[in-house]
C-alpha atoms as a PDB file:
ATOM      1  CA  MET A   1      45.974  68.126 -11.163  1.00  0.00           C
ATOM      2  CA  LYS A   2      43.702  70.264  -9.003  1.00  0.00           C
ATOM      3  CA  LYS A   3      40.207  69.834  -7.621  1.00  0.00           C
ATOM      4  CA  ASP A   4      38.906  72.818  -9.620  1.00  0.00           C
ATOM      5  CA  GLN A   5      40.287  71.326 -12.833  1.00  0.00           C
ATOM      6  CA  LEU A   6      38.399  68.099 -12.223  1.00  0.00           C
ATOM      7  CA  LYS A   7      35.243  70.018 -11.333  1.00  0.00           C
ATOM      8  CA  ASN A   8      35.518  72.046 -14.559  1.00  0.00           C
ATOM      9  CA  PHE A   9      36.192  68.930 -16.623  1.00  0.00           C
ATOM     10  CA  VAL A  10      33.130  67.092 -15.222  1.00  0.00           C
ATOM     11  CA  GLU A  11      30.881  70.097 -15.802  1.00  0.00           C
ATOM     12  CA  VAL A  12      31.998  70.425 -19.435  1.00  0.00           C
ATOM     13  CA  ALA A  13      31.395  66.703 -19.986  1.00  0.00           C
ATOM     14  CA  ASP A  14      27.931  66.940 -18.413  1.00  0.00           C
ATOM     15  CA  CYS A  15      26.950  70.019 -20.405  1.00  0.00           C
ATOM     16  CA  GLY A  16      28.568  68.933 -23.694  1.00  0.00           C
ATOM     17  CA  SER A  17      29.584  72.537 -24.260  1.00  0.00           C
ATOM     18  CA  ILE A  18      32.313  74.883 -23.026  1.00  0.00           C
ATOM     19  CA  ASN A  19      29.980  77.891 -23.130  1.00  0.00           C
ATOM     20  CA  LYS A  20      27.154  76.217 -21.166  1.00  0.00           C
ATOM     21  CA  ALA A  21      29.586  74.840 -18.582  1.00  0.00           C
ATOM     22  CA  ALA A  22      31.176  78.308 -18.159  1.00  0.00           C
ATOM     23  CA  GLU A  23      27.750  79.811 -17.454  1.00  0.00           C
ATOM     24  CA  LYS A  24      26.968  77.166 -14.802  1.00  0.00           C
ATOM     25  CA  LEU A  25      30.399  77.537 -13.188  1.00  0.00           C
ATOM     26  CA  TYR A  26      30.244  81.365 -13.269  1.00  0.00           C
ATOM     27  CA  ILE A  27      33.634  81.666 -14.979  1.00  0.00           C
ATOM     28  CA  SER A  28      34.643  83.020 -18.383  1.00  0.00           C
ATOM     29  CA  GLN A  29      34.806  80.759 -21.412  1.00  0.00           C
ATOM     30  CA  PRO A  30      38.530  81.474 -22.014  1.00  0.00           C
ATOM     31  CA  SER A  31      39.368  80.605 -18.376  1.00  0.00           C
ATOM     32  CA  LEU A  32      37.465  77.328 -18.638  1.00  0.00           C
ATOM     33  CA  SER A  33      39.159  76.487 -21.949  1.00  0.00           C
ATOM     34  CA  ARG A  34      42.583  77.107 -20.371  1.00  0.00           C
ATOM     35  CA  SER A  35      41.667  74.825 -17.437  1.00  0.00           C
ATOM     36  CA  ILE A  36      40.651  71.993 -19.782  1.00  0.00           C
ATOM     37  CA  HIS A  37      43.744  72.493 -21.946  1.00  0.00           C
ATOM     38  CA  ALA A  38      46.020  72.363 -18.861  1.00  0.00           C
ATOM     39  CA  LEU A  39      44.359  69.102 -17.766  1.00  0.00           C
ATOM     40  CA  GLU A  40      44.859  67.622 -21.240  1.00  0.00           C
ATOM     41  CA  GLU A  41      48.509  68.688 -21.137  1.00  0.00           C
ATOM     42  CA  GLU A  42      48.935  66.967 -17.764  1.00  0.00           C
ATOM     43  CA  MET A  43      47.225  63.778 -18.969  1.00  0.00           C
ATOM     44  CA  GLY A  44      49.264  63.871 -22.213  1.00  0.00           C
ATOM     45  CA  ARG A  45      46.127  63.095 -24.244  1.00  0.00           C
ATOM     46  CA  LYS A  46      43.038  64.789 -25.601  1.00  0.00           C
ATOM     47  CA  LEU A  47      40.008  64.473 -23.359  1.00  0.00           C
ATOM     48  CA  PHE A  48      37.370  65.880 -25.707  1.00  0.00           C
ATOM     49  CA  ILE A  49      36.522  65.561 -29.372  1.00  0.00           C
ATOM     50  CA  ARG A  50      35.344  68.943 -30.630  1.00  0.00           C
ATOM     51  CA  SER A  51      32.879  69.280 -33.509  1.00  0.00           C
ATOM     52  CA  ASN A  52      30.208  71.634 -34.817  1.00  0.00           C
ATOM     53  CA  ARG A  53      27.633  69.756 -32.727  1.00  0.00           C
ATOM     54  CA  GLY A  54      29.524  70.234 -29.476  1.00  0.00           C
ATOM     55  CA  ILE A  55      32.094  68.162 -27.636  1.00  0.00           C
ATOM     56  CA  THR A  56      32.211  64.518 -26.637  1.00  0.00           C
ATOM     57  CA  LEU A  57      34.615  62.528 -24.505  1.00  0.00           C
ATOM     58  CA  THR A  58      37.530  60.567 -25.903  1.00  0.00           C
ATOM     59  CA  PRO A  59      38.211  57.057 -24.481  1.00  0.00           C
ATOM     60  CA  THR A  60      40.732  58.640 -22.075  1.00  0.00           C
ATOM     61  CA  GLY A  61      38.184  61.334 -21.237  1.00  0.00           C
ATOM     62  CA  ASN A  62      35.547  58.703 -20.455  1.00  0.00           C
ATOM     63  CA  LEU A  63      37.878  56.946 -18.017  1.00  0.00           C
ATOM     64  CA  LEU A  64      38.953  60.201 -16.371  1.00  0.00           C
ATOM     65  CA  TYR A  65      35.305  61.265 -16.069  1.00  0.00           C
ATOM     66  CA  TYR A  66      34.527  58.137 -14.039  1.00  0.00           C
ATOM     67  CA  TYR A  67      37.391  58.717 -11.607  1.00  0.00           C
ATOM     68  CA  ALA A  68      36.878  62.483 -11.427  1.00  0.00           C
ATOM     69  CA  ARG A  69      33.238  62.043 -10.353  1.00  0.00           C
ATOM     70  CA  SER A  70      34.330  59.612  -7.658  1.00  0.00           C
ATOM     71  CA  ILE A  71      37.079  61.934  -6.398  1.00  0.00           C
ATOM     72  CA  LEU A  72      34.727  64.933  -6.274  1.00  0.00           C
ATOM     73  CA  ASN A  73      32.185  62.890  -4.330  1.00  0.00           C
ATOM     74  CA  GLN A  74      34.887  62.068  -1.776  1.00  0.00           C
ATOM     75  CA  PHE A  75      35.719  65.755  -1.453  1.00  0.00           C
ATOM     76  CA  ARG A  76      32.045  66.457  -0.715  1.00  0.00           C
ATOM     77  CA  VAL A  77      32.110  63.826   2.044  1.00  0.00           C
ATOM     78  CA  LEU A  78      35.221  65.435   3.530  1.00  0.00           C
ATOM     79  CA  GLU A  79      33.565  68.853   3.468  1.00  0.00           C
ATOM     80  CA  ARG A  80      30.573  67.401   5.292  1.00  0.00           C
ATOM     81  CA  LEU A  81      32.771  65.762   7.932  1.00  0.00           C
ATOM     82  CA  LYS A  82      34.384  69.116   8.743  1.00  0.00           C
ATOM     83  CA  LYS A  83      30.980  70.430   9.795  1.00  0.00           C
ATOM     84  CA  LEU A  84      30.045  67.436  11.959  1.00  0.00           C
ATOM     85  CA  GLU A  85      30.645  66.965  15.657  1.00  0.00           C
ATOM     86  CA  ASN A  86      32.545  63.821  16.680  1.00  0.00           C
ATOM     87  CA  GLU A  87      29.387  61.942  17.658  1.00  0.00           C
ATOM     88  CA  GLN A  88      27.828  62.743  14.274  1.00  0.00           C
ATOM     89  CA  ILE A  89      30.716  61.200  12.368  1.00  0.00           C
ATOM     90  CA  TYR A  90      30.496  57.735  13.851  1.00  0.00           C
ATOM     91  CA  SER A  91      27.940  55.965  16.027  1.00  0.00           C
ATOM     92  CA  LYS A  92      28.312  52.479  17.462  1.00  0.00           C
ATOM     93  CA  LEU A  93      25.478  50.687  19.236  1.00  0.00           C
ATOM     94  CA  SER A  94      26.325  47.387  20.912  1.00  0.00           C
ATOM     95  CA  ILE A  95      23.601  45.548  22.839  1.00  0.00           C
ATOM     96  CA  SER A  96      23.028  41.988  24.023  1.00  0.00           C
ATOM     97  CA  VAL A  97      19.467  40.738  24.423  1.00  0.00           C
ATOM     98  CA  ASN A  98      17.822  37.721  26.007  1.00  0.00           C
ATOM     99  CA  SER A  99      14.196  36.563  26.062  1.00  0.00           C
ATOM    100  CA  ILE A 100      12.604  39.475  24.224  1.00  0.00           C
ATOM    101  CA  PHE A 101      11.738  40.369  20.646  1.00  0.00           C
ATOM    102  CA  LEU A 102      12.891  43.948  20.211  1.00  0.00           C
ATOM    103  CA  HIS A 103      10.758  45.717  17.650  1.00  0.00           C
ATOM    104  CA  ASP A 104      12.546  46.223  14.330  1.00  0.00           C
ATOM    105  CA  ASP A 105      11.264  49.807  14.237  1.00  0.00           C
ATOM    106  CA  MET A 106      13.415  50.606  17.270  1.00  0.00           C
ATOM    107  CA  ILE A 107      16.624  49.961  15.339  1.00  0.00           C
ATOM    108  CA  LEU A 108      15.356  52.081  12.442  1.00  0.00           C
ATOM    109  CA  GLU A 109      14.438  54.882  14.846  1.00  0.00           C
ATOM    110  CA  PHE A 110      17.895  54.683  16.393  1.00  0.00           C
ATOM    111  CA  TYR A 111      19.518  55.038  12.960  1.00  0.00           C
ATOM    112  CA  LYS A 112      17.402  58.094  12.165  1.00  0.00           C
ATOM    113  CA  ARG A 113      18.123  59.792  15.468  1.00  0.00           C
ATOM    114  CA  ALA A 114      21.846  59.000  15.459  1.00  0.00           C
ATOM    115  CA  SER A 115      22.141  60.609  11.982  1.00  0.00           C
ATOM    116  CA  SER A 116      25.838  59.770  11.775  1.00  0.00           C
ATOM    117  CA  ALA A 117      27.973  59.594   8.675  1.00  0.00           C
ATOM    118  CA  GLU A 118      28.767  55.987   9.655  1.00  0.00           C
ATOM    119  CA  THR A 119      26.630  53.816  11.938  1.00  0.00           C
ATOM    120  CA  GLU A 120      27.666  50.427  13.351  1.00  0.00           C
ATOM    121  CA  ILE A 121      25.073  48.249  15.120  1.00  0.00           C
ATOM    122  CA  HIS A 122      25.936  45.065  17.030  1.00  0.00           C
ATOM    123  CA  PHE A 123      22.793  43.237  18.137  1.00  0.00           C
ATOM    124  CA  ILE A 124      23.424  39.921  19.924  1.00  0.00           C
ATOM    125  CA  GLU A 125      20.612  37.496  20.815  1.00  0.00           C
ATOM    126  CA  THR A 126      21.937  35.178  23.495  1.00  0.00           C
ATOM    127  CA  THR A 127      21.446  33.766  26.998  1.00  0.00           C
ATOM    128  CA  ALA A 128      21.040  35.816  30.186  1.00  0.00           C
ATOM    129  CA  GLU A 129      24.408  34.569  31.398  1.00  0.00           C
ATOM    130  CA  GLU A 130      26.154  35.759  28.247  1.00  0.00           C
ATOM    131  CA  VAL A 131      24.286  39.078  28.309  1.00  0.00           C
ATOM    132  CA  LEU A 132      25.949  39.702  31.660  1.00  0.00           C
ATOM    133  CA  GLN A 133      29.364  38.532  30.440  1.00  0.00           C
ATOM    134  CA  ASN A 134      29.166  40.636  27.268  1.00  0.00           C
ATOM    135  CA  VAL A 135      28.599  43.803  29.288  1.00  0.00           C
ATOM    136  CA  VAL A 136      31.325  42.874  31.787  1.00  0.00           C
ATOM    137  CA  GLN A 137      33.833  42.148  29.012  1.00  0.00           C
ATOM    138  CA  LEU A 138      32.952  45.300  27.003  1.00  0.00           C
ATOM    139  CA  ARG A 139      31.503  43.390  24.061  1.00  0.00           C
ATOM    140  CA  SER A 140      28.197  45.166  24.669  1.00  0.00           C
ATOM    141  CA  GLU A 141      27.489  48.545  26.187  1.00  0.00           C
ATOM    142  CA  ILE A 142      23.930  47.633  27.200  1.00  0.00           C
ATOM    143  CA  GLY A 143      22.346  44.331  28.172  1.00  0.00           C
ATOM    144  CA  ILE A 144      18.621  43.549  28.152  1.00  0.00           C
ATOM    145  CA  THR A 145      17.152  40.429  29.702  1.00  0.00           C
ATOM    146  CA  ILE A 146      13.928  39.071  31.180  1.00  0.00           C
ATOM    147  CA  LEU A 147      14.312  37.284  34.510  1.00  0.00           C
ATOM    148  CA  ASN A 148      11.845  35.794  36.975  1.00  0.00           C
ATOM    149  CA  ASP A 149      12.179  36.671  40.651  1.00  0.00           C
ATOM    150  CA  LEU A 150      14.335  33.646  41.450  1.00  0.00           C
ATOM    151  CA  GLN A 151      16.736  34.354  38.597  1.00  0.00           C
ATOM    152  CA  LEU A 152      16.823  38.081  39.329  1.00  0.00           C
ATOM    153  CA  GLY A 153      18.029  37.564  42.887  1.00  0.00           C
ATOM    154  CA  VAL A 154      21.022  35.494  41.771  1.00  0.00           C
ATOM    155  CA  PHE A 155      21.667  37.681  38.713  1.00  0.00           C
ATOM    156  CA  SER A 156      21.760  40.857  40.836  1.00  0.00           C
ATOM    157  CA  LYS A 157      24.313  39.374  43.244  1.00  0.00           C
ATOM    158  CA  MET A 158      26.581  38.326  40.395  1.00  0.00           C
ATOM    159  CA  ALA A 159      26.218  41.729  38.734  1.00  0.00           C
ATOM    160  CA  GLU A 160      27.118  43.532  41.980  1.00  0.00           C
ATOM    161  CA  ILE A 161      30.374  41.586  42.227  1.00  0.00           C
ATOM    162  CA  LYS A 162      31.221  42.474  38.623  1.00  0.00           C
ATOM    163  CA  GLU A 163      30.434  46.201  39.041  1.00  0.00           C
ATOM    164  CA  ILE A 164      27.354  46.029  36.835  1.00  0.00           C
ATOM    165  CA  GLU A 165      24.308  48.218  37.414  1.00  0.00           C
ATOM    166  CA  VAL A 166      20.958  46.393  37.289  1.00  0.00           C
ATOM    167  CA  MET A 167      17.836  48.419  36.420  1.00  0.00           C
ATOM    168  CA  VAL A 168      14.472  46.681  36.780  1.00  0.00           C
ATOM    169  CA  MET A 169      12.136  48.592  34.471  1.00  0.00           C
ATOM    170  CA  ASP A 170       8.922  46.592  34.899  1.00  0.00           C
ATOM    171  CA  ARG A 171       7.465  43.425  36.419  1.00  0.00           C
ATOM    172  CA  LYS A 172       4.701  41.359  34.791  1.00  0.00           C
ATOM    173  CA  PRO A 173       3.257  37.796  35.012  1.00  0.00           C
ATOM    174  CA  LEU A 174       4.637  34.833  33.086  1.00  0.00           C
ATOM    175  CA  TYR A 175       3.014  34.203  29.685  1.00  0.00           C
ATOM    176  CA  VAL A 176       2.949  31.311  27.262  1.00  0.00           C
ATOM    177  CA  HIS A 177       2.953  31.914  23.495  1.00  0.00           C
ATOM    178  CA  VAL A 178       1.166  29.303  21.377  1.00  0.00           C
ATOM    179  CA  ASN A 179      -0.086  28.851  17.858  1.00  0.00           C
ATOM    180  CA  GLU A 180      -3.720  29.882  17.351  1.00  0.00           C
ATOM    181  CA  LYS A 181      -4.601  26.371  16.112  1.00  0.00           C
ATOM    182  CA  ILE A 182      -3.703  24.565  19.347  1.00  0.00           C
ATOM    183  CA  PRO A 183      -7.036  23.573  20.958  1.00  0.00           C
ATOM    184  CA  LEU A 184      -7.282  24.983  24.477  1.00  0.00           C
ATOM    185  CA  GLN A 185     -10.193  25.129  26.887  1.00  0.00           C
ATOM    186  CA  ASP A 186      -9.900  28.842  27.667  1.00  0.00           C
ATOM    187  CA  SER A 187      -9.150  31.764  25.357  1.00  0.00           C
ATOM    188  CA  ARG A 188      -7.360  33.769  28.092  1.00  0.00           C
ATOM    189  CA  PHE A 189      -5.795  31.272  30.484  1.00  0.00           C
ATOM    190  CA  VAL A 190      -4.178  27.885  30.061  1.00  0.00           C
ATOM    191  CA  ASP A 191      -3.438  25.038  32.439  1.00  0.00           C
ATOM    192  CA  ALA A 192       0.164  23.863  32.199  1.00  0.00           C
ATOM    193  CA  GLU A 193      -1.041  20.252  31.895  1.00  0.00           C
ATOM    194  CA  GLU A 194      -2.762  21.120  28.601  1.00  0.00           C
ATOM    195  CA  LEU A 195       0.657  21.764  27.029  1.00  0.00           C
ATOM    196  CA  ILE A 196       2.456  18.614  28.181  1.00  0.00           C
ATOM    197  CA  GLU A 197       2.040  16.896  24.801  1.00  0.00           C
ATOM    198  CA  TYR A 198       3.292  19.851  22.746  1.00  0.00           C
ATOM    199  CA  PRO A 199       6.942  20.734  22.017  1.00  0.00           C
ATOM    200  CA  TYR A 200       8.414  23.300  24.415  1.00  0.00           C
ATOM    201  CA  ILE A 201      10.748  25.784  22.705  1.00  0.00           C
ATOM    202  CA  HIS A 202      13.642  26.678  24.939  1.00  0.00           C
ATOM    203  CA  LEU A 203      16.390  29.228  24.445  1.00  0.00           C
ATOM    204  CA  PRO A 204      19.924  27.795  24.816  1.00  0.00           C
ATOM    205  CA  LYS A 205      20.443  26.684  28.395  1.00  0.00           C
ATOM    206  CA  ASP A 206      22.675  28.524  30.807  1.00  0.00           C
ATOM    207  CA  PHE A 207      23.133  28.906  34.546  1.00  0.00           C
ATOM    208  CA  PHE A 208      20.005  31.033  34.947  1.00  0.00           C
ATOM    209  CA  SER A 209      17.699  28.796  32.915  1.00  0.00           C
ATOM    210  CA  ASP A 210      18.876  25.824  34.977  1.00  0.00           C
ATOM    211  CA  LEU A 211      17.541  27.603  38.062  1.00  0.00           C
ATOM    212  CA  ASN A 212      14.048  27.205  36.601  1.00  0.00           C
ATOM    213  CA  GLN A 213      14.075  23.423  36.765  1.00  0.00           C
ATOM    214  CA  SER A 214      12.675  23.599  40.295  1.00  0.00           C
ATOM    215  CA  LEU A 215       9.858  25.990  39.350  1.00  0.00           C
ATOM    216  CA  THR A 216       6.294  24.721  39.120  1.00  0.00           C
ATOM    217  CA  ILE A 217       3.340  26.075  37.167  1.00  0.00           C
ATOM    218  CA  ASN A 218       0.211  24.934  39.022  1.00  0.00           C
ATOM    219  CA  LYS A 219       2.016  21.811  40.284  1.00  0.00           C
ATOM    220  CA  THR A 220       3.599  21.109  36.884  1.00  0.00           C
ATOM    221  CA  LEU A 221       7.383  21.192  36.903  1.00  0.00           C
ATOM    222  CA  LEU A 222       9.119  22.732  33.913  1.00  0.00           C
ATOM    223  CA  SER A 223      11.089  19.500  33.691  1.00  0.00           C
ATOM    224  CA  ASP A 224       7.773  17.667  33.090  1.00  0.00           C
ATOM    225  CA  PHE A 225       7.621  18.979  29.508  1.00  0.00           C
ATOM    226  CA  LYS A 226       9.156  16.028  27.659  1.00  0.00           C
ATOM    227  CA  LYS A 227       9.350  17.412  24.115  1.00  0.00           C
ATOM    228  CA  MET A 228      11.882  20.203  23.937  1.00  0.00           C
ATOM    229  CA  ILE A 229      13.327  22.244  21.080  1.00  0.00           C
ATOM    230  CA  THR A 230      16.367  24.416  21.818  1.00  0.00           C
ATOM    231  CA  MET A 231      16.695  27.447  19.522  1.00  0.00           C
ATOM    232  CA  SER A 232      18.418  30.819  19.673  1.00  0.00           C
ATOM    233  CA  ASN A 233      17.022  32.720  16.676  1.00  0.00           C
ATOM    234  CA  TYR A 234      13.747  34.486  17.356  1.00  0.00           C
ATOM    235  CA  HIS A 235      12.544  34.504  13.757  1.00  0.00           C
ATOM    236  CA  ALA A 236      13.101  30.747  13.602  1.00  0.00           C
ATOM    237  CA  ILE A 237      11.272  30.362  16.928  1.00  0.00           C
ATOM    238  CA  ILE A 238       8.222  32.152  15.516  1.00  0.00           C
ATOM    239  CA  ASN A 239       8.283  29.866  12.493  1.00  0.00           C
ATOM    240  CA  MET A 240       8.518  26.796  14.743  1.00  0.00           C
ATOM    241  CA  ILE A 241       5.572  27.910  16.904  1.00  0.00           C
ATOM    242  CA  ASN A 242       3.458  28.337  13.808  1.00  0.00           C
ATOM    243  CA  HIS A 243       4.395  25.152  11.977  1.00  0.00           C
ATOM    244  CA  ALA A 244       5.253  22.630  14.684  1.00  0.00           C
ATOM    245  CA  GLN A 245       2.488  23.562  17.131  1.00  0.00           C
ATOM    246  CA  ALA A 246       5.146  24.330  19.706  1.00  0.00           C
ATOM    247  CA  PHE A 247       4.929  26.805  22.569  1.00  0.00           C
ATOM    248  CA  LEU A 248       7.296  29.280  24.164  1.00  0.00           C
ATOM    249  CA  LEU A 249       7.345  30.395  27.785  1.00  0.00           C
ATOM    250  CA  GLY A 250       7.669  34.139  27.621  1.00  0.00           C
ATOM    251  CA  ASN A 251       6.550  37.516  28.823  1.00  0.00           C
ATOM    252  CA  GLN A 252       4.161  40.365  28.213  1.00  0.00           C
ATOM    253  CA  TRP A 253       6.745  42.452  26.327  1.00  0.00           C
ATOM    254  CA  GLN A 254       6.744  39.908  23.476  1.00  0.00           C
ATOM    255  CA  ILE A 255       2.988  39.990  22.896  1.00  0.00           C
ATOM    256  CA  ASP A 256       2.712  42.834  20.377  1.00  0.00           C
ATOM    257  CA  GLU A 257       5.447  41.447  18.153  1.00  0.00           C
ATOM    258  CA  LEU A 258       4.011  37.912  18.216  1.00  0.00           C
ATOM    259  CA  ARG A 259       0.444  38.996  17.582  1.00  0.00           C
ATOM    260  CA  HIS A 260       1.398  39.855  14.010  1.00  0.00           C
ATOM    261  CA  SER A 261       2.501  36.234  13.490  1.00  0.00           C
ATOM    262  CA  ASN A 262      -0.812  34.553  14.444  1.00  0.00           C
ATOM    263  CA  ILE A 263       0.481  33.580  17.877  1.00  0.00           C
ATOM    264  CA  ARG A 264      -1.666  33.725  20.993  1.00  0.00           C
ATOM    265  CA  SER A 265      -0.256  34.889  24.323  1.00  0.00           C
ATOM    266  CA  LEU A 266      -1.968  33.477  27.415  1.00  0.00           C
ATOM    267  CA  ARG A 267      -1.616  33.590  31.187  1.00  0.00           C
ATOM    268  CA  PHE A 268      -1.239  30.382  33.185  1.00  0.00           C
ATOM    269  CA  LYS A 269      -3.904  29.357  35.665  1.00  0.00           C
ATOM    270  CA  ASN A 270      -2.817  29.448  39.307  1.00  0.00           C
ATOM    271  CA  CYS A 271       0.670  30.712  38.503  1.00  0.00           C
ATOM    272  CA  ASP A 272       2.396  33.403  40.556  1.00  0.00           C
ATOM    273  CA  ILE A 273       5.682  33.489  38.606  1.00  0.00           C
ATOM    274  CA  MET A 274       6.574  37.069  37.737  1.00  0.00           C
ATOM    275  CA  GLU A 275       8.950  38.255  35.006  1.00  0.00           C
ATOM    276  CA  ASN A 276      11.208  41.321  35.284  1.00  0.00           C
ATOM    277  CA  PHE A 277      12.365  43.530  32.420  1.00  0.00           C
ATOM    278  CA  VAL A 278      16.020  44.199  33.241  1.00  0.00           C
ATOM    279  CA  ILE A 279      18.544  46.571  31.696  1.00  0.00           C
ATOM    280  CA  ILE A 280      22.198  46.418  32.692  1.00  0.00           C
ATOM    281  CA  LYS A 281      25.268  48.568  32.084  1.00  0.00           C
ATOM    282  CA  ARG A 282      28.667  49.032  33.641  1.00  0.00           C
ATOM    283  CA  LYS A 283      28.746  51.096  36.845  1.00  0.00           C
ATOM    284  CA  ARG A 284      30.502  54.472  36.934  1.00  0.00           C
ATOM    285  CA  GLU A 285      30.624  54.615  33.143  1.00  0.00           C
ATOM    286  CA  ILE A 286      28.729  57.181  31.120  1.00  0.00           C
ATOM    287  CA  LEU A 287      26.850  55.709  28.195  1.00  0.00           C
ATOM    288  CA  SER A 288      27.848  56.780  24.708  1.00  0.00           C
ATOM    289  CA  SER A 289      25.479  59.071  22.825  1.00  0.00           C
ATOM    290  CA  ALA A 290      24.399  56.005  20.827  1.00  0.00           C
ATOM    291  CA  GLY A 291      23.599  54.133  24.044  1.00  0.00           C
ATOM    292  CA  GLU A 292      21.647  57.086  25.449  1.00  0.00           C
ATOM    293  CA  ILE A 293      19.626  57.402  22.257  1.00  0.00           C
ATOM    294  CA  PHE A 294      18.776  53.712  22.212  1.00  0.00           C
ATOM    295  CA  LEU A 295      17.758  53.639  25.891  1.00  0.00           C
ATOM    296  CA  ASP A 296      15.482  56.624  25.343  1.00  0.00           C
ATOM    297  CA  ILE A 297      13.827  54.845  22.406  1.00  0.00           C
ATOM    298  CA  LEU A 298      13.520  51.626  24.428  1.00  0.00           C
ATOM    299  CA  LYS A 299      11.876  53.329  27.400  1.00  0.00           C
ATOM    300  CA  LYS A 300       9.373  55.139  25.229  1.00  0.00           C
ATOM    301  CA  GLU A 301       8.587  52.014  23.215  1.00  0.00           C
ATOM    302  CA  TYR A 302       7.737  49.973  26.315  1.00  0.00           C
ATOM    303  CA  GLY A 303       6.247  52.790  28.388  1.00  0.00           C
ATOM    304  CA  PHE A 304       9.035  52.990  30.967  1.00  0.00           C
ATOM    305  CA  MET A 305       9.233  56.790  30.931  1.00  0.00           C
END
């Protein structure tokens, strides 16, 4: 059984006529008839029922038609793969993220630009500590995290020991994200004391979040917030902010994404805590084409170019 035989068989079945199929295949009618007859001989059964109104498939022909179409489709994939470069055949993007809502459009843009026959995307939302470990242990090629100045100093020292490159892309003030219905005195700034009674959403704790326990926001310690909700899924966090009148300590790079969910983003009064947008990767290792594409998209999206 040959590829051309299957191709001829499928075309005859689609056209319902030997003559029409021969015209489309640019071969003679006798040659096409011989091809179909040889296939029937090999199968040991008739594949077509011939009548004055044309030809139709037998039960065996119907089953063969299904498999023949599938086989021919696989041949087309193989032909396409022969023309592709290695990086076009398979793309794998593996990133770990902490404390930021990456825009969904970025992943879609990555898929379009990678244009691979097969694309694998591993996107892990986790703690800053695990972001670092994932890059060290090769689970992720790129790590993205938001760290204040205190955390960044410790993080950078640990990364240096582990041969990890730390790139600080931007530095902005601390923000708080709250539901629009929470009554606050100011529409642009908030006093930390105004939020004491509301639930504080916290990402899962790790070594770096524990460093924040000594930080104060206008004389209010982070440990002073008594109601705490620990969550790791950002979509669930958004839902909790909107329906439990909770708040999230965050950063400027989350604002656009949260604005679409009726969430206000405010600066704290008398607060000098700064947040750093940090990207990490392994030193002395060249990023994959997938990693390079994603970083280019990320930098453009957040204006880091």
